[in-house]
Amino acid sequence: MPNEMTVAEAHRYPDTVNHPSYYSGKVECIDAIQSATTGLTGFEGFCAGCAMKYLWRWKRKGGKSDLQKCRWYVDKLLEVIPGDD
């Protein structure tokens, strides 16, 4: 089949869509987010998932910028959830 790669080609052309290097680990980031946000809906689920994504990858991709993005989403989540102020 023309779309199949050899093992050597796969190492030269990593799958940056399905398995980017900055999400390495034993657990897929998307699976962890899906499990951790079960029961959350709408904007709460979105903010929690984004915060997890940036926290998961900060050391391998965006550094301090990813930590700042994580904090931004946590701050947005704190604005919309009810609770003690």
Protein backbone atom coordinates (compact mmCIF):
# COMPACT_ATOMS: atom_id res chain seq x y z
CA MET A 1 0.00 0.00 0.00
CA PRO A 2 1.39 3.42 -0.86
CA ASN A 3 0.55 5.07 2.52
CA GLU A 4 2.39 2.54 4.70
CA MET A 5 5.84 3.45 6.05
CA THR A 6 8.76 1.28 6.93
CA VAL A 7 10.00 1.33 10.53
CA ALA A 8 12.97 3.47 9.48
CA GLU A 9 10.67 5.98 7.79
CA ALA A 10 8.40 6.12 10.83
CA HIS A 11 11.38 7.13 12.99
CA ARG A 12 12.30 9.87 10.53
CA TYR A 13 8.72 11.14 10.32
CA PRO A 14 7.21 10.97 13.81
CA ASP A 15 3.43 11.10 14.12
CA THR A 16 3.08 14.67 15.36
CA VAL A 17 -0.71 14.50 15.15
CA ASN A 18 -1.51 11.31 17.04
CA HIS A 19 1.60 10.93 19.22
CA PRO A 20 3.55 14.18 19.54
CA SER A 21 6.75 13.86 21.55
CA TYR A 22 5.67 16.44 24.13
CA TYR A 23 2.84 14.12 25.26
CA SER A 24 5.11 11.17 25.97
CA GLY A 25 4.45 8.81 28.83
CA LYS A 26 2.71 5.57 29.71
CA VAL A 27 -0.73 7.20 29.62
CA GLU A 28 -2.10 9.20 26.69
CA CYS A 29 -2.87 12.76 27.75
CA ILE A 30 -6.25 12.73 26.00
CA ASP A 31 -7.27 9.57 27.89
CA ALA A 32 -6.27 11.10 31.23
CA ILE A 33 -8.23 14.27 30.46
CA GLN A 34 -11.28 12.27 29.43
CA SER A 35 -11.19 10.29 32.66
CA ALA A 36 -10.50 13.30 34.90
CA THR A 37 -13.29 15.43 33.40
CA THR A 38 -16.02 12.79 33.58
CA GLY A 39 -19.09 14.49 35.00
CA LEU A 40 -17.97 17.99 34.06
CA THR A 41 -19.92 19.74 31.35
CA GLY A 42 -19.62 22.76 29.12
CA PHE A 43 -17.17 25.47 30.03
CA GLU A 44 -16.09 23.74 33.26
CA GLY A 45 -15.01 20.63 31.37
CA PHE A 46 -13.31 22.71 28.70
CA CYS A 47 -11.28 24.78 31.19
CA ALA A 48 -10.31 21.76 33.29
CA GLY A 49 -9.22 19.82 30.20
CA CYS A 50 -7.17 22.70 28.82
CA ALA A 51 -5.48 23.27 32.17
CA MET A 52 -4.54 19.59 32.33
CA LYS A 53 -3.20 19.66 28.78
CA TYR A 54 -0.87 22.57 29.46
CA LEU A 55 0.26 21.15 32.80
CA TRP A 56 0.93 17.76 31.21
CA ARG A 57 3.21 19.07 28.48
CA TRP A 58 4.87 22.17 29.95
CA LYS A 59 8.32 20.69 30.46
CA ARG A 60 8.53 19.19 26.95
CA LYS A 61 6.91 21.92 24.88
CA GLY A 62 5.98 25.38 26.06
CA GLY A 63 7.88 25.79 29.33
CA LYS A 64 6.79 28.68 31.50
CA SER A 65 4.33 29.84 28.83
CA ASP A 66 2.39 26.57 29.12
CA LEU A 67 2.29 26.94 32.92
CA GLN A 68 0.90 30.45 32.50
CA LYS A 69 -1.75 29.12 30.11
CA CYS A 70 -2.61 26.41 32.63
CA ARG A 71 -3.05 29.04 35.34
CA TRP A 72 -5.21 31.15 32.99
CA TYR A 73 -7.63 28.24 32.50
CA VAL A 74 -7.68 27.46 36.22
CA ASP A 75 -8.46 31.14 36.96
CA LYS A 76 -11.31 31.06 34.40
CA LEU A 77 -12.65 27.90 36.04
CA LEU A 78 -12.52 29.54 39.46
CA GLU A 79 -14.55 32.46 38.08
CA VAL A 80 -17.45 30.26 36.95
CA ILE A 81 -17.77 27.67 39.71
CA PRO A 82 -19.81 28.47 42.77
CA GLY A 83 -18.10 28.43 46.12
CA ASP A 84 -16.52 30.43 48.89
CA ASP A 85 -14.86 33.67 47.83
